[in-house]
C-alpha cells in the first residue's frame, strides 16, 4: 500500500472516531473538534491530490557505466542526499 494511501486511511479512521465522539460534547468542545476534523479533512484531500500529481519512481537508466573486474549480476550504487549523483 503506498504511503499516501496508508496515511489517508489513517486520517479517515481518525475522522470517523472524532465524528462518533462529537455528539456528547458541549458546543465549545464540539466546535473545537469540528475545527480539528476540518483540518484533517483538508489534509486528506491534499494527500489525494499529491498522490495524483506526484510521479512514481520506477528507477534509473544509467549509461556510460563501466564495471571493473568481474561483472556481478547486481550492481549497487550510493547516491548523494539529493539523489543527483553517484558517490563512493
PDB file of N, CA and C in Angstrom:
ATOM      1  N   UNK A   1       0.843  -1.173   0.000  1.00  0.00           N
ATOM      2  CA  UNK A   1       0.000   0.000   0.000  1.00  0.00           C
ATOM      3  C   UNK A   1       0.890   1.240   0.000  1.00  0.00           C
ATOM      4  N   UNK A   2       0.690   2.176  -0.911  1.00  0.00           N
ATOM      5  CA  UNK A   2       1.504   3.385  -0.932  1.00  0.00           C
ATOM      6  C   UNK A   2       1.368   4.177   0.363  1.00  0.00           C
ATOM      7  N   UNK A   3       2.421   4.915   0.705  1.00  0.00           N
ATOM      8  CA  UNK A   3       2.442   5.699   1.940  1.00  0.00           C
ATOM      9  C   UNK A   3       1.290   6.698   1.977  1.00  0.00           C
ATOM     10  N   UNK A   4       1.039   7.377   0.866  1.00  0.00           N
ATOM     11  CA  UNK A   4      -0.024   8.377   0.826  1.00  0.00           C
ATOM     12  C   UNK A   4      -1.364   7.732   1.117  1.00  0.00           C
ATOM     13  N   UNK A   5      -1.622   6.582   0.510  1.00  0.00           N
ATOM     14  CA  UNK A   5      -2.882   5.883   0.729  1.00  0.00           C
ATOM     15  C   UNK A   5      -3.001   5.432   2.183  1.00  0.00           C
ATOM     16  N   UNK A   6      -1.911   4.923   2.756  1.00  0.00           N
ATOM     17  CA  UNK A   6      -1.919   4.470   4.149  1.00  0.00           C
ATOM     18  C   UNK A   6      -2.224   5.636   5.075  1.00  0.00           C
ATOM     19  N   UNK A   7      -1.562   6.755   4.849  1.00  0.00           N
ATOM     20  CA  UNK A   7      -1.784   7.933   5.692  1.00  0.00           C
ATOM     21  C   UNK A   7      -3.214   8.431   5.524  1.00  0.00           C
ATOM     22  N   UNK A   8      -3.728   8.388   4.311  1.00  0.00           N
ATOM     23  CA  UNK A   8      -5.110   8.790   4.067  1.00  0.00           C
ATOM     24  C   UNK A   8      -6.084   7.896   4.809  1.00  0.00           C
ATOM     25  N   UNK A   9      -5.820   6.593   4.816  1.00  0.00           N
ATOM     26  CA  UNK A   9      -6.680   5.670   5.559  1.00  0.00           C
ATOM     27  C   UNK A   9      -6.622   5.942   7.060  1.00  0.00           C
ATOM     28  N   UNK A  10      -5.443   6.269   7.574  1.00  0.00           N
ATOM     29  CA  UNK A  10      -5.310   6.611   8.993  1.00  0.00           C
ATOM     30  C   UNK A  10      -6.121   7.861   9.312  1.00  0.00           C
ATOM     31  N   UNK A  11      -6.098   8.857   8.423  1.00  0.00           N
ATOM     32  CA  UNK A  11      -6.885  10.069   8.633  1.00  0.00           C
ATOM     33  C   UNK A  11      -8.378   9.769   8.588  1.00  0.00           C
ATOM     34  N   UNK A  12      -8.798   8.891   7.701  1.00  0.00           N
ATOM     35  CA  UNK A  12     -10.205   8.505   7.632  1.00  0.00           C
ATOM     36  C   UNK A  12     -10.657   7.878   8.952  1.00  0.00           C
ATOM     37  N   UNK A  13      -9.840   7.016   9.520  1.00  0.00           N
ATOM     38  CA  UNK A  13     -10.163   6.367  10.787  1.00  0.00           C
ATOM     39  C   UNK A  13     -10.259   7.407  11.900  1.00  0.00           C
ATOM     40  N   UNK A  14      -9.302   8.332  11.935  1.00  0.00           N
ATOM     41  CA  UNK A  14      -9.310   9.394  12.945  1.00  0.00           C
ATOM     42  C   UNK A  14     -10.555  10.258  12.813  1.00  0.00           C
ATOM     43  N   UNK A  15     -10.912  10.613  11.584  1.00  0.00           N
ATOM     44  CA  UNK A  15     -12.117  11.413  11.357  1.00  0.00           C
ATOM     45  C   UNK A  15     -13.368  10.684  11.833  1.00  0.00           C
ATOM     46  N   UNK A  16     -13.460   9.405  11.552  1.00  0.00           N
ATOM     47  CA  UNK A  16     -14.621   8.623  11.984  1.00  0.00           C
ATOM     48  C   UNK A  16     -14.705   8.587  13.508  1.00  0.00           C
ATOM     49  N   UNK A  17     -13.566   8.447  14.180  1.00  0.00           N
ATOM     50  CA  UNK A  17     -13.545   8.445  15.645  1.00  0.00           C
ATOM     51  C   UNK A  17     -13.996   9.792  16.194  1.00  0.00           C
ATOM     52  N   UNK A  18     -13.504  10.874  15.605  1.00  0.00           N
ATOM     53  CA  UNK A  18     -13.906  12.209  16.053  1.00  0.00           C
ATOM     54  C   UNK A  18     -15.407  12.421  15.885  1.00  0.00           C
ATOM     55  N   UNK A  19     -15.921  12.025  14.748  1.00  0.00           N
ATOM     56  CA  UNK A  19     -17.340  12.218  14.477  1.00  0.00           C
ATOM     57  C   UNK A  19     -18.213  11.406  15.432  1.00  0.00           C
ATOM     58  N   UNK A  20     -17.749  10.215  15.818  1.00  0.00           N
ATOM     59  CA  UNK A  20     -18.537   9.388  16.736  1.00  0.00           C
ATOM     60  C   UNK A  20     -18.525   9.946  18.150  1.00  0.00           C
ATOM     61  N   UNK A  21     -17.521  10.719  18.504  1.00  0.00           N
ATOM     62  CA  UNK A  21     -17.398  11.241  19.856  1.00  0.00           C
ATOM     63  C   UNK A  21     -17.946  12.660  20.012  1.00  0.00           C
ATOM     64  N   UNK A  22     -18.251  13.338  18.943  1.00  0.00           N
ATOM     65  CA  UNK A  22     -18.623  14.745  18.996  1.00  0.00           C
ATOM     66  C   UNK A  22     -20.033  14.984  19.551  1.00  0.00           C
ATOM     67  N   UNK A  23     -20.913  13.985  19.470  1.00  0.00           N
ATOM     68  CA  UNK A  23     -22.318  14.162  19.829  1.00  0.00           C
ATOM     69  C   UNK A  23     -22.542  14.539  21.287  1.00  0.00           C
ATOM     70  N   UNK A  24     -21.766  14.004  22.206  1.00  0.00           N
ATOM     71  CA  UNK A  24     -21.996  14.245  23.634  1.00  0.00           C
ATOM     72  C   UNK A  24     -21.227  15.452  24.178  1.00  0.00           C
ATOM     73  N   UNK A  25     -20.504  16.168  23.341  1.00  0.00           N
ATOM     74  CA  UNK A  25     -19.686  17.295  23.799  1.00  0.00           C
ATOM     75  C   UNK A  25     -20.498  18.580  23.884  1.00  0.00           C
ATOM     76  N   UNK A  26     -19.986  19.522  24.682  1.00  0.00           N
ATOM     77  CA  UNK A  26     -20.591  20.855  24.744  1.00  0.00           C
ATOM     78  C   UNK A  26     -20.363  21.557  23.405  1.00  0.00           C
ATOM     79  N   UNK A  27     -21.039  22.682  23.206  1.00  0.00           N
ATOM     80  CA  UNK A  27     -20.908  23.404  21.941  1.00  0.00           C
ATOM     81  C   UNK A  27     -19.467  23.845  21.692  1.00  0.00           C
ATOM     82  N   UNK A  28     -18.798  24.374  22.726  1.00  0.00           N
ATOM     83  CA  UNK A  28     -17.408  24.838  22.565  1.00  0.00           C
ATOM     84  C   UNK A  28     -16.488  23.675  22.210  1.00  0.00           C
ATOM     85  N   UNK A  29     -16.663  22.559  22.914  1.00  0.00           N
ATOM     86  CA  UNK A  29     -15.846  21.384  22.626  1.00  0.00           C
ATOM     87  C   UNK A  29     -16.157  20.841  21.240  1.00  0.00           C
ATOM     88  N   UNK A  30     -17.431  20.841  20.901  1.00  0.00           N
ATOM     89  CA  UNK A  30     -17.858  20.364  19.587  1.00  0.00           C
ATOM     90  C   UNK A  30     -17.241  21.218  18.481  1.00  0.00           C
ATOM     91  N   UNK A  31     -17.244  22.529  18.680  1.00  0.00           N
ATOM     92  CA  UNK A  31     -16.643  23.430  17.692  1.00  0.00           C
ATOM     93  C   UNK A  31     -15.151  23.161  17.540  1.00  0.00           C
ATOM     94  N   UNK A  32     -14.495  22.906  18.674  1.00  0.00           N
ATOM     95  CA  UNK A  32     -13.056  22.634  18.655  1.00  0.00           C
ATOM     96  C   UNK A  32     -12.758  21.346  17.885  1.00  0.00           C
ATOM     97  N   UNK A  33     -13.536  20.318  18.161  1.00  0.00           N
ATOM     98  CA  UNK A  33     -13.363  19.048  17.447  1.00  0.00           C
ATOM     99  C   UNK A  33     -13.687  19.236  15.968  1.00  0.00           C
ATOM    100  N   UNK A  34     -14.692  20.066  15.678  1.00  0.00           N
ATOM    101  CA  UNK A  34     -15.047  20.350  14.290  1.00  0.00           C
ATOM    102  C   UNK A  34     -13.889  20.996  13.538  1.00  0.00           C
ATOM    103  N   UNK A  35     -13.175  21.901  14.204  1.00  0.00           N
ATOM    104  CA  UNK A  35     -12.008  22.536  13.570  1.00  0.00           C
ATOM    105  C   UNK A  35     -10.919  21.509  13.278  1.00  0.00           C
ATOM    106  N   UNK A  36     -10.695  20.607  14.230  1.00  0.00           N
ATOM    107  CA  UNK A  36      -9.699  19.554  14.027  1.00  0.00           C
ATOM    108  C   UNK A  36     -10.126  18.657  12.867  1.00  0.00           C
ATOM    109  N   UNK A  37     -11.383  18.295  12.862  1.00  0.00           N
ATOM    110  CA  UNK A  37     -11.908  17.432  11.806  1.00  0.00           C
ATOM    111  C   UNK A  37     -11.765  18.100  10.440  1.00  0.00           C
ATOM    112  N   UNK A  38     -12.053  19.396  10.382  1.00  0.00           N
ATOM    113  CA  UNK A  38     -11.927  20.131   9.122  1.00  0.00           C
ATOM    114  C   UNK A  38     -10.475  20.139   8.653  1.00  0.00           C
ATOM    115  N   UNK A  39      -9.544  20.321   9.580  1.00  0.00           N
ATOM    116  CA  UNK A  39      -8.114  20.331   9.230  1.00  0.00           C
ATOM    117  C   UNK A  39      -7.674  18.958   8.720  1.00  0.00           C
ATOM    118  N   UNK A  40      -8.139  17.899   9.367  1.00  0.00           N
ATOM    119  CA  UNK A  40      -7.792  16.553   8.918  1.00  0.00           C
ATOM    120  C   UNK A  40      -8.397  16.252   7.547  1.00  0.00           C
ATOM    121  N   UNK A  41      -9.603  16.729   7.319  1.00  0.00           N
ATOM    122  CA  UNK A  41     -10.235  16.536   6.007  1.00  0.00           C
ATOM    123  C   UNK A  41      -9.447  17.268   4.934  1.00  0.00           C
ATOM    124  N   UNK A  42      -9.025  18.483   5.238  1.00  0.00           N
ATOM    125  CA  UNK A  42      -8.220  19.257   4.287  1.00  0.00           C
ATOM    126  C   UNK A  42      -6.914  18.521   3.976  1.00  0.00           C
ATOM    127  N   UNK A  43      -6.290  17.963   5.015  1.00  0.00           N
ATOM    128  CA  UNK A  43      -5.043  17.208   4.818  1.00  0.00           C
ATOM    129  C   UNK A  43      -5.295  15.967   3.967  1.00  0.00           C
ATOM    130  N   UNK A  44      -6.436  15.313   4.185  1.00  0.00           N
ATOM    131  CA  UNK A  44      -6.792  14.120   3.408  1.00  0.00           C
ATOM    132  C   UNK A  44      -6.902  14.470   1.920  1.00  0.00           C
ATOM    133  N   UNK A  45      -7.594  15.557   1.602  1.00  0.00           N
ATOM    134  CA  UNK A  45      -7.727  15.954   0.198  1.00  0.00           C
ATOM    135  C   UNK A  45      -6.377  16.367  -0.396  1.00  0.00           C
ATOM    136  N   UNK A  46      -5.545  16.983   0.422  1.00  0.00           N
ATOM    137  CA  UNK A  46      -4.197  17.351  -0.040  1.00  0.00           C
ATOM    138  C   UNK A  46      -3.410  16.084  -0.402  1.00  0.00           C
ATOM    139  N   UNK A  47      -3.498  15.060   0.443  1.00  0.00           N
ATOM    140  CA  UNK A  47      -2.790  13.808   0.166  1.00  0.00           C
ATOM    141  C   UNK A  47      -3.318  13.132  -1.092  1.00  0.00           C
ATOM    142  N   UNK A  48      -4.626  13.187  -1.298  1.00  0.00           N
ATOM    143  CA  UNK A  48      -5.201  12.603  -2.512  1.00  0.00           C
ATOM    144  C   UNK A  48      -4.699  13.322  -3.756  1.00  0.00           C
ATOM    145  N   UNK A  49      -4.631  14.645  -3.710  1.00  0.00           N
ATOM    146  CA  UNK A  49      -4.118  15.415  -4.841  1.00  0.00           C
ATOM    147  C   UNK A  49      -2.639  15.127  -5.070  1.00  0.00           C
ATOM    148  N   UNK A  50      -1.893  15.026  -3.993  1.00  0.00           N
ATOM    149  CA  UNK A  50      -0.466  14.726  -4.096  1.00  0.00           C
ATOM    150  C   UNK A  50      -0.256  13.369  -4.758  1.00  0.00           C
ATOM    151  N   UNK A  51      -1.066  12.397  -4.376  1.00  0.00           N
ATOM    152  CA  UNK A  51      -0.950  11.060  -4.968  1.00  0.00           C
ATOM    153  C   UNK A  51      -1.225  11.101  -6.468  1.00  0.00           C
ATOM    154  N   UNK A  52      -2.104  11.991  -6.910  1.00  0.00           N
ATOM    155  CA  UNK A  52      -2.421  12.095  -8.336  1.00  0.00           C
ATOM    156  C   UNK A  52      -1.300  12.755  -9.128  1.00  0.00           C
ATOM    157  N   UNK A  53      -0.637  13.753  -8.527  1.00  0.00           N
ATOM    158  CA  UNK A  53       0.327  14.552  -9.276  1.00  0.00           C
ATOM    159  C   UNK A  53       1.774  14.094  -9.112  1.00  0.00           C
ATOM    160  N   UNK A  54       2.076  13.409  -8.023  1.00  0.00           N
ATOM    161  CA  UNK A  54       3.462  13.007  -7.775  1.00  0.00           C
ATOM    162  C   UNK A  54       3.798  11.795  -8.629  1.00  0.00           C
ATOM    163  N   UNK A  55       4.811  11.906  -9.466  1.00  0.00           N
ATOM    164  CA  UNK A  55       5.175  10.754 -10.304  1.00  0.00           C
ATOM    165  C   UNK A  55       5.746   9.630  -9.447  1.00  0.00           C
ATOM    166  N   UNK A  56       5.486   8.423  -9.838  1.00  0.00           N
ATOM    167  CA  UNK A  56       6.021   7.264  -9.133  1.00  0.00           C
ATOM    168  C   UNK A  56       7.445   7.002  -9.615  1.00  0.00           C
ATOM    169  N   UNK A  57       8.332   6.694  -8.695  1.00  0.00           N
ATOM    170  CA  UNK A  57       9.717   6.389  -9.041  1.00  0.00           C
ATOM    171  C   UNK A  57       9.793   4.949  -9.517  1.00  0.00           C
ATOM    172  N   UNK A  58      10.333   4.758 -10.708  1.00  0.00           N
ATOM    173  CA  UNK A  58      10.468   3.399 -11.227  1.00  0.00           C
ATOM    174  C   UNK A  58      11.931   3.018 -11.462  1.00  0.00           C
ATOM    175  N   UNK A  59      12.844   3.919 -11.225  1.00  0.00           N
ATOM    176  CA  UNK A  59      14.260   3.594 -11.348  1.00  0.00           C
ATOM    177  C   UNK A  59      14.974   4.488 -12.343  1.00  0.00           C
ATOM    178  N   UNK A  60      16.248   4.232 -12.485  1.00  0.00           N
ATOM    179  CA  UNK A  60      17.080   4.994 -13.396  1.00  0.00           C
ATOM    180  C   UNK A  60      17.611   4.096 -14.492  1.00  0.00           C
ATOM    181  N   UNK A  61      17.891   4.700 -15.618  1.00  0.00           N
ATOM    182  CA  UNK A  61      18.621   4.013 -16.675  1.00  0.00           C
ATOM    183  C   UNK A  61      19.985   4.694 -16.726  1.00  0.00           C
ATOM    184  N   UNK A  62      21.018   3.945 -16.436  1.00  0.00           N
ATOM    185  CA  UNK A  62      22.364   4.503 -16.412  1.00  0.00           C
ATOM    186  C   UNK A  62      23.069   4.172 -17.714  1.00  0.00           C
ATOM    187  N   UNK A  63      23.768   5.151 -18.234  1.00  0.00           N
ATOM    188  CA  UNK A  63      24.550   4.909 -19.448  1.00  0.00           C
ATOM    189  C   UNK A  63      25.993   5.320 -19.185  1.00  0.00           C
ATOM    190  N   UNK A  64      26.904   4.701 -19.877  1.00  0.00           N
ATOM    191  CA  UNK A  64      28.316   5.046 -19.732  1.00  0.00           C
ATOM    192  C   UNK A  64      28.936   4.515 -18.455  1.00  0.00           C
ATOM    193  N   UNK A  65      28.309   3.538 -17.794  1.00  0.00           N
ATOM    194  CA  UNK A  65      28.859   2.962 -16.570  1.00  0.00           C
ATOM    195  C   UNK A  65      29.726   1.775 -16.952  1.00  0.00           C
ATOM    196  N   UNK A  66      30.977   1.810 -16.516  1.00  0.00           N
ATOM    197  CA  UNK A  66      31.912   0.734 -16.805  1.00  0.00           C
ATOM    198  C   UNK A  66      32.161  -0.030 -15.508  1.00  0.00           C
ATOM    199  N   UNK A  67      32.024  -1.347 -15.567  1.00  0.00           N
ATOM    200  CA  UNK A  67      32.233  -2.194 -14.391  1.00  0.00           C
ATOM    201  C   UNK A  67      33.639  -2.769 -14.462  1.00  0.00           C
ATOM    202  N   UNK A  68      34.431  -2.523 -13.414  1.00  0.00           N
ATOM    203  CA  UNK A  68      35.793  -3.042 -13.358  1.00  0.00           C
ATOM    204  C   UNK A  68      35.775  -4.444 -12.762  1.00  0.00           C
ATOM    205  N   UNK A  69      36.637  -5.313 -13.269  1.00  0.00           N
ATOM    206  CA  UNK A  69      36.749  -6.659 -12.729  1.00  0.00           C
ATOM    207  C   UNK A  69      35.597  -7.546 -13.156  1.00  0.00           C
ATOM    208  N   UNK A  70      35.305  -8.552 -12.314  1.00  0.00           N
ATOM    209  CA  UNK A  70      34.206  -9.466 -12.614  1.00  0.00           C
ATOM    210  C   UNK A  70      32.892  -8.699 -12.634  1.00  0.00           C
ATOM    211  N   UNK A  71      32.056  -9.022 -13.587  1.00  0.00           N
ATOM    212  CA  UNK A  71      30.764  -8.337 -13.692  1.00  0.00           C
ATOM    213  C   UNK A  71      29.745  -9.040 -12.803  1.00  0.00           C
ATOM    214  N   UNK A  72      29.381  -8.407 -11.693  1.00  0.00           N
ATOM    215  CA  UNK A  72      28.382  -9.014 -10.803  1.00  0.00           C
ATOM    216  C   UNK A  72      27.000  -8.991 -11.454  1.00  0.00           C
ATOM    217  N   UNK A  73      26.129  -9.878 -10.983  1.00  0.00           N
ATOM    218  CA  UNK A  73      24.767  -9.936 -11.527  1.00  0.00           C
ATOM    219  C   UNK A  73      23.975  -8.689 -11.131  1.00  0.00           C
ATOM    220  N   UNK A  74      24.247  -8.177  -9.931  1.00  0.00           N
ATOM    221  CA  UNK A  74      23.542  -6.989  -9.434  1.00  0.00           C
ATOM    222  C   UNK A  74      24.574  -5.907  -9.140  1.00  0.00           C
ATOM    223  N   UNK A  75      24.324  -4.709  -9.620  1.00  0.00           N
ATOM    224  CA  UNK A  75      25.184  -3.566  -9.336  1.00  0.00           C
ATOM    225  C   UNK A  75      24.508  -2.691  -8.288  1.00  0.00           C
ATOM    226  N   UNK A  76      25.271  -2.215  -7.310  1.00  0.00           N
ATOM    227  CA  UNK A  76      24.752  -1.322  -6.282  1.00  0.00           C
ATOM    228  C   UNK A  76      25.470   0.013  -6.356  1.00  0.00           C
ATOM    229  N   UNK A  77      24.731   1.076  -6.170  1.00  0.00           N
ATOM    230  CA  UNK A  77      25.297   2.416  -6.211  1.00  0.00           C
ATOM    231  C   UNK A  77      24.845   3.190  -4.981  1.00  0.00           C
ATOM    232  N   UNK A  78      25.712   4.076  -4.504  1.00  0.00           N
ATOM    233  CA  UNK A  78      25.351   5.007  -3.437  1.00  0.00           C
ATOM    234  C   UNK A  78      25.143   6.374  -4.077  1.00  0.00           C
ATOM    235  N   UNK A  79      24.093   7.064  -3.639  1.00  0.00           N
ATOM    236  CA  UNK A  79      23.793   8.381  -4.190  1.00  0.00           C
ATOM    237  C   UNK A  79      23.905   9.445  -3.115  1.00  0.00           C
ATOM    238  N   UNK A  80      24.127  10.691  -3.542  1.00  0.00           N
ATOM    239  CA  UNK A  80      24.154  11.796  -2.605  1.00  0.00           C
ATOM    240  C   UNK A  80      22.730  12.017  -2.071  1.00  0.00           C
ATOM    241  N   UNK A  81      22.608  12.899  -1.081  1.00  0.00           N
ATOM    242  CA  UNK A  81      21.331  13.125  -0.414  1.00  0.00           C
ATOM    243  C   UNK A  81      20.227  13.566  -1.378  1.00  0.00           C
ATOM    244  N   UNK A  82      20.567  14.354  -2.365  1.00  0.00           N
ATOM    245  CA  UNK A  82      19.585  14.847  -3.329  1.00  0.00           C
ATOM    246  C   UNK A  82      19.305  13.839  -4.453  1.00  0.00           C
ATOM    247  N   UNK A  83      20.018  12.729  -4.430  1.00  0.00           N
ATOM    248  CA  UNK A  83      19.921  11.673  -5.439  1.00  0.00           C
ATOM    249  C   UNK A  83      20.193  12.248  -6.833  1.00  0.00           C
ATOM    250  N   UNK A  84      21.286  13.008  -6.906  1.00  0.00           N
ATOM    251  CA  UNK A  84      21.640  13.623  -8.193  1.00  0.00           C
ATOM    252  C   UNK A  84      22.926  13.049  -8.780  1.00  0.00           C
ATOM    253  N   UNK A  85      23.738  12.387  -7.952  1.00  0.00           N
ATOM    254  CA  UNK A  85      24.971  11.822  -8.487  1.00  0.00           C
ATOM    255  C   UNK A  85      25.389  10.603  -7.664  1.00  0.00           C
ATOM    256  N   UNK A  86      26.162   9.752  -8.289  1.00  0.00           N
ATOM    257  CA  UNK A  86      26.685   8.559  -7.620  1.00  0.00           C
ATOM    258  C   UNK A  86      27.899   8.962  -6.797  1.00  0.00           C
ATOM    259  N   UNK A  87      27.961   8.463  -5.579  1.00  0.00           N
ATOM    260  CA  UNK A  87      29.086   8.771  -4.690  1.00  0.00           C
ATOM    261  C   UNK A  87      29.713   7.448  -4.226  1.00  0.00           C
ATOM    262  N   UNK A  88      30.986   7.489  -3.776  1.00  0.00           N
ATOM    263  CA  UNK A  88      31.648   6.256  -3.315  1.00  0.00           C
ATOM    264  C   UNK A  88      31.015   5.724  -2.030  1.00  0.00           C
TER     265      UNK A  88
END
